Amino acid sequence: MTASKQSGLGSLTLQEERMTDQARKAEQFRGFHVPGRPLVLFNIWDAGSARAVATAGAKAIATSSWSVANAHGLADGERIPLALVVDNLRRIVAATDLPVTIDLESGYGDTMDSVDQTIQFAIEAGAVGCNLEDSFPANGKLRETGDQADRIRHARRTADTAKNRFFINARTDVFFQRAAEQPNDIMVVEAIERAHAYADAGADGLFTPGLVDITLIARLAQASPLPLNIMVGDATPPLRVLAEHGVARVSHGPRPYLAAMKALEEAARAANS
């Protein structure tokens, strides 16, 4: 007999109850993206780090692909098997009641079907959103804007089929393509163009790691049709300043993992001295 739970709406199976809860969390997560009141994500890598960040008062949980890979002794760039990424996600979701978004790098696959399958796996494991980047994992070069828009469009359709308002955070690696002859303001123009293409394809947010100049951040936040996500680095302006200039989401990326490993190393060194 199928397990069920009584509710005011009648009898729900455990699977239906889980899907309803996931849909609720997806709506909640979407609502956190408010320009001027940034959602702060202190990125994690496993169930234990997720619990620690949740206990500290986080609104949502986000993985860092770099941190997850390194925690498993591997390098970033889709070198960690997707099955292991999804299994790790499933454990994280089970460890917290908060909405969980996953860093899926470039979607684990060159074909649209591969991206669709990756998104489906993430949703089935309980995620309410993902990062999906527009560079090739092998060399970091940018995909053509139209090609990436098609990948986002397929991801959107897959998420919508699952009846889940899955938040697709379109990461652009424009600011990792720096060249001496290419000023930052030219890259902002390209990022704006990509933001419009990705929004038309069904993306929900724009993630621009590598962008730290507050004037350019403000320009992009104003011009982007998508809420802007900035990643913390050594030169990133303070959270208050980012908020004042229209940022809607701030990610800490691999920094929490690096800090934790440094503290562990120092404690181990002290214990052995």
Protein backbone atom coordinates (compact mmCIF):
# COMPACT_ATOMS: atom_id res chain seq x y z
CA MET A 1 0.00 0.00 0.00
CA THR A 2 1.27 3.44 -0.86
CA ALA A 3 2.19 5.48 2.19
CA SER A 4 0.14 8.63 2.55
CA LYS A 5 -0.42 11.57 4.83
CA GLN A 6 -3.74 13.19 5.57
CA SER A 7 -4.04 16.92 4.92
CA GLY A 8 -6.74 19.49 4.52
CA LEU A 9 -6.67 18.79 0.79
CA GLY A 10 -7.15 15.06 1.22
CA SER A 11 -4.62 12.26 1.08
CA LEU A 12 -1.15 12.95 -0.34
CA THR A 13 1.40 10.28 -1.12
CA LEU A 14 4.87 10.84 0.33
CA GLN A 15 6.11 11.54 -3.19
CA GLU A 16 3.39 14.13 -3.77
CA GLU A 17 4.11 15.70 -0.40
CA ARG A 18 7.82 15.94 -1.25
CA MET A 19 7.08 17.55 -4.60
CA THR A 20 4.70 20.04 -2.99
CA ASP A 21 7.34 20.97 -0.41
CA GLN A 22 9.96 21.34 -3.14
CA ALA A 23 7.66 23.62 -5.15
CA ARG A 24 7.08 25.73 -2.04
CA LYS A 25 10.81 26.05 -1.45
CA ALA A 26 11.36 26.95 -5.11
CA GLU A 27 8.90 29.84 -4.81
CA GLN A 28 10.51 30.91 -1.55
CA PHE A 29 13.98 30.84 -3.10
CA ARG A 30 12.83 32.86 -6.10
CA GLY A 31 11.41 35.50 -3.78
CA PHE A 32 14.77 36.00 -2.07
CA HIS A 33 16.22 37.68 -5.19
CA VAL A 34 15.51 41.34 -4.55
CA PRO A 35 17.79 44.06 -5.98
CA GLY A 36 19.07 46.12 -3.07
CA ARG A 37 18.47 43.35 -0.53
CA PRO A 38 20.87 40.65 -1.68
CA LEU A 39 20.45 36.99 -0.85
CA VAL A 40 23.75 35.94 0.73
CA LEU A 41 24.90 32.40 -0.09
CA PHE A 42 27.80 31.01 1.94
CA ASN A 43 28.52 28.12 -0.40
CA ILE A 44 28.87 24.58 0.97
CA TRP A 45 30.15 21.23 -0.26
CA ASP A 46 28.50 18.42 1.73
CA ALA A 47 25.71 17.64 4.21
CA GLY A 48 27.83 18.59 7.22
CA SER A 49 28.76 22.02 5.87
CA ALA A 50 25.12 22.55 4.83
CA ARG A 51 23.97 21.93 8.39
CA ALA A 52 26.59 24.31 9.79
CA VAL A 53 25.55 27.12 7.43
CA ALA A 54 21.85 26.48 8.06
CA THR A 55 22.41 26.65 11.82
CA ALA A 56 24.14 30.01 11.34
CA GLY A 57 20.88 31.49 10.02
CA ALA A 58 21.15 31.15 6.25
CA LYS A 59 18.03 31.63 4.12
CA ALA A 60 19.13 29.08 1.52
CA ILE A 61 21.89 26.59 0.76
CA ALA A 62 24.09 26.69 -2.35
CA THR A 63 26.84 24.34 -3.42
CA SER A 64 30.12 25.38 -5.03
CA SER A 65 31.25 22.99 -7.76
CA TRP A 66 34.90 23.84 -7.00
CA SER A 67 34.41 23.01 -3.33
CA VAL A 68 32.46 19.81 -3.99
CA ALA A 69 35.10 18.58 -6.42
CA ASN A 70 38.02 19.40 -4.14
CA ALA A 71 36.29 17.84 -1.13
CA HIS A 72 36.28 14.62 -3.16
CA GLY A 73 39.94 14.95 -4.12
CA LEU A 74 39.21 16.09 -7.67
CA ALA A 75 39.59 19.27 -9.71
CA ASP A 76 36.75 21.51 -10.87
CA GLY A 77 35.63 21.49 -14.51
CA GLU A 78 33.15 18.58 -14.52
CA ARG A 79 35.89 16.13 -13.51
CA ILE A 80 33.77 14.81 -10.66
CA PRO A 81 31.22 12.29 -12.01
CA LEU A 82 27.68 13.61 -12.30
CA ALA A 83 26.33 10.60 -10.38
CA LEU A 84 28.51 11.56 -7.41
CA VAL A 85 27.43 15.22 -7.68
CA VAL A 86 23.76 14.21 -7.61
CA ASP A 87 24.25 11.75 -4.75
CA ASN A 88 26.00 14.47 -2.77
CA LEU A 89 23.12 16.84 -3.56
CA ARG A 90 20.59 14.30 -2.33
CA ARG A 91 22.40 14.06 1.01
CA ILE A 92 22.55 17.86 1.32
CA VAL A 93 18.81 18.22 0.64
CA ALA A 94 18.07 15.58 3.28
CA ALA A 95 20.24 17.40 5.84
CA THR A 96 18.36 20.72 5.78
CA ASP A 97 14.88 22.18 5.49
CA LEU A 98 16.20 25.15 3.53
CA PRO A 99 15.94 25.56 -0.26
CA VAL A 100 19.01 24.11 -1.99
CA THR A 101 20.52 25.31 -5.27
CA ILE A 102 23.30 23.38 -7.00
CA ASP A 103 26.24 24.47 -9.09
CA LEU A 104 25.97 22.32 -12.23
CA GLU A 105 28.89 23.95 -14.05
CA SER A 106 28.04 23.89 -17.78
CA GLY A 107 25.41 21.16 -17.49
CA TYR A 108 27.54 18.02 -17.89
CA GLY A 109 27.28 17.39 -21.59
CA ASP A 110 27.64 18.89 -25.05
CA THR A 111 24.17 17.88 -26.24
CA MET A 112 20.84 19.39 -25.30
CA ASP A 113 19.63 15.98 -24.15
CA SER A 114 22.53 15.79 -21.72
CA VAL A 115 21.66 19.18 -20.22
CA ASP A 116 18.00 18.16 -19.96
CA GLN A 117 18.97 14.98 -18.13
CA THR A 118 21.27 16.85 -15.75
CA ILE A 119 18.51 19.31 -14.83
CA GLN A 120 16.08 16.44 -14.34
CA PHE A 121 18.50 14.64 -12.02
CA ALA A 122 18.95 17.82 -9.96
CA ILE A 123 15.20 18.34 -9.61
CA GLU A 124 14.61 14.71 -8.69
CA ALA A 125 17.29 15.00 -6.00
CA GLY A 126 15.44 17.96 -4.47
CA ALA A 127 17.19 21.08 -5.80
CA VAL A 128 15.16 24.24 -6.39
CA GLY A 129 17.71 25.92 -8.64
CA CYS A 130 21.08 25.69 -10.34
CA ASN A 131 23.98 27.63 -11.78
CA LEU A 132 24.51 26.97 -15.47
CA GLU A 133 27.62 28.54 -16.98
CA ASP A 134 28.39 29.54 -20.55
CA SER A 135 31.98 28.37 -20.87
CA PHE A 136 33.43 25.04 -21.94
CA PRO A 137 34.71 23.06 -18.93
CA ALA A 138 37.76 21.82 -20.82
CA ASN A 139 39.30 25.21 -21.61
CA GLY A 140 37.13 27.96 -20.12
CA LYS A 141 36.33 29.52 -23.49
CA LEU A 142 32.91 31.07 -23.97
CA ARG A 143 30.17 29.33 -25.89
CA GLU A 144 28.42 31.33 -28.56
CA THR A 145 25.58 33.33 -27.04
CA GLY A 146 22.96 31.61 -29.20
CA ASP A 147 24.24 28.15 -28.32
CA GLN A 148 24.12 28.89 -24.61
CA ALA A 149 20.65 30.39 -24.95
CA ASP A 150 19.50 27.13 -26.55
CA ARG A 151 20.94 25.17 -23.62
CA ILE A 152 19.10 27.40 -21.16
CA ARG A 153 15.90 27.12 -23.19
CA HIS A 154 16.05 23.32 -23.03
CA ALA A 155 16.80 23.43 -19.29
CA ARG A 156 13.81 25.71 -18.79
CA ARG A 157 11.49 23.35 -20.64
CA THR A 158 12.68 20.40 -18.60
CA ALA A 159 12.13 22.28 -15.34
CA ASP A 160 8.69 23.44 -16.42
CA THR A 161 7.72 19.90 -17.37
CA ALA A 162 8.51 18.90 -13.79
CA LYS A 163 6.06 21.62 -12.66
CA ASN A 164 8.78 23.20 -10.56
CA ARG A 165 9.70 26.90 -10.79
CA PHE A 166 13.32 25.86 -10.82
CA PHE A 167 15.62 28.89 -10.63
CA ILE A 168 18.15 28.88 -13.47
CA ASN A 169 21.02 31.18 -12.55
CA ALA A 170 22.74 31.87 -15.86
CA ARG A 171 26.43 32.29 -15.16
CA THR A 172 28.46 34.15 -17.74
CA ASP A 173 32.24 33.83 -17.70
CA VAL A 174 32.73 36.98 -19.76
CA PHE A 175 34.85 38.52 -16.99
CA PHE A 176 37.21 35.54 -16.98
CA GLN A 177 38.15 36.26 -20.62
CA ARG A 178 40.25 39.32 -19.82
CA ALA A 179 42.80 40.50 -22.33
CA ALA A 180 45.02 43.55 -22.17
CA GLU A 181 43.34 45.04 -25.23
CA GLN A 182 39.79 44.45 -23.96
CA PRO A 183 38.61 47.00 -21.37
CA ASN A 184 36.15 45.95 -18.67
CA ASP A 185 33.41 48.22 -20.01
CA ILE A 186 33.45 46.30 -23.31
CA MET A 187 32.91 43.10 -21.37
CA VAL A 188 29.98 44.70 -19.54
CA VAL A 189 28.35 45.36 -22.92
CA GLU A 190 28.75 41.69 -23.83
CA ALA A 191 27.42 40.61 -20.44
CA ILE A 192 24.33 42.78 -20.95
CA GLU A 193 23.76 41.27 -24.40
CA ARG A 194 24.07 37.78 -22.96
CA ALA A 195 21.76 38.67 -20.08
CA HIS A 196 19.00 39.64 -22.51
CA ALA A 197 19.49 36.49 -24.60
CA TYR A 198 19.50 34.28 -21.52
CA ALA A 199 16.43 35.99 -20.08
CA ASP A 200 14.56 35.45 -23.36
CA ALA A 201 15.55 31.76 -23.15
CA GLY A 202 14.07 31.40 -19.68
CA ALA A 203 16.89 32.12 -17.24
CA ASP A 204 15.97 33.62 -13.87
CA GLY A 205 19.23 35.22 -12.72
CA LEU A 206 22.57 36.47 -14.03
CA PHE A 207 25.80 35.39 -12.29
CA THR A 208 28.99 37.29 -13.18
CA PRO A 209 32.03 35.96 -11.31
CA GLY A 210 35.15 38.03 -11.82
CA LEU A 211 33.34 41.38 -11.86
CA VAL A 212 34.48 43.54 -8.91
CA ASP A 213 34.40 47.19 -10.09
CA ILE A 214 31.42 48.79 -8.36
CA THR A 215 30.76 51.26 -11.18
CA LEU A 216 30.49 48.42 -13.67
CA ILE A 217 28.49 46.30 -11.23
CA ALA A 218 25.97 49.13 -10.88
CA ARG A 219 25.81 49.56 -14.65
CA LEU A 220 25.16 45.87 -15.18
CA ALA A 221 22.61 45.64 -12.37
CA GLN A 222 20.64 48.49 -13.92
CA ALA A 223 20.81 47.19 -17.50
CA SER A 224 20.27 43.49 -16.87
CA PRO A 225 16.73 42.11 -17.21
CA LEU A 226 17.76 39.47 -14.65
CA PRO A 227 18.63 39.92 -10.95
CA LEU A 228 22.41 40.21 -10.62
CA ASN A 229 24.55 37.74 -8.67
CA ILE A 230 28.09 38.79 -7.68
CA MET A 231 30.76 36.45 -6.30
CA VAL A 232 32.90 37.53 -3.37
CA GLY A 233 36.63 37.93 -4.00
CA ASP A 234 39.50 39.79 -2.39
CA ALA A 235 38.60 43.01 -4.22
CA THR A 236 34.80 42.75 -4.02
CA PRO A 237 33.08 45.78 -2.43
CA PRO A 238 31.35 45.23 0.95
CA LEU A 239 27.85 43.76 1.03
CA ARG A 240 26.33 47.12 1.97
CA VAL A 241 27.84 48.76 -1.11
CA LEU A 242 26.71 45.94 -3.39
CA ALA A 243 23.19 46.30 -2.02
CA GLU A 244 23.22 50.05 -2.60
CA HIS A 245 24.08 49.44 -6.25
CA GLY A 246 21.30 47.00 -7.03
CA VAL A 247 22.85 43.56 -6.52
CA ALA A 248 20.28 40.84 -5.74
CA ARG A 249 22.48 37.88 -4.77
CA VAL A 250 25.98 37.46 -3.34
CA SER A 251 27.83 34.14 -3.48
CA HIS A 252 30.98 33.23 -1.57
CA GLY A 253 32.04 30.50 -4.01
CA PRO A 254 35.02 28.39 -2.88
CA ARG A 255 36.10 30.79 -0.12
CA PRO A 256 34.25 28.98 2.73
CA TYR A 257 35.86 25.67 1.78
CA LEU A 258 39.32 27.26 1.55
CA ALA A 259 38.85 28.90 4.95
CA ALA A 260 37.70 25.64 6.52
CA MET A 261 40.62 23.69 5.09
CA LYS A 262 43.08 26.34 6.24
CA ALA A 263 41.68 26.20 9.77
CA LEU A 264 41.87 22.40 9.72
CA GLU A 265 45.45 22.45 8.51
CA GLU A 266 46.47 24.97 11.16
CA ALA A 267 44.78 22.97 13.92
CA ALA A 268 46.43 19.77 12.74
CA ARG A 269 49.81 21.50 12.62
CA ALA A 270 49.35 22.79 16.16
CA ALA A 271 48.34 19.34 17.37
CA ASN A 272 51.48 17.82 15.89
CA SER A 273 53.94 20.52 17.00
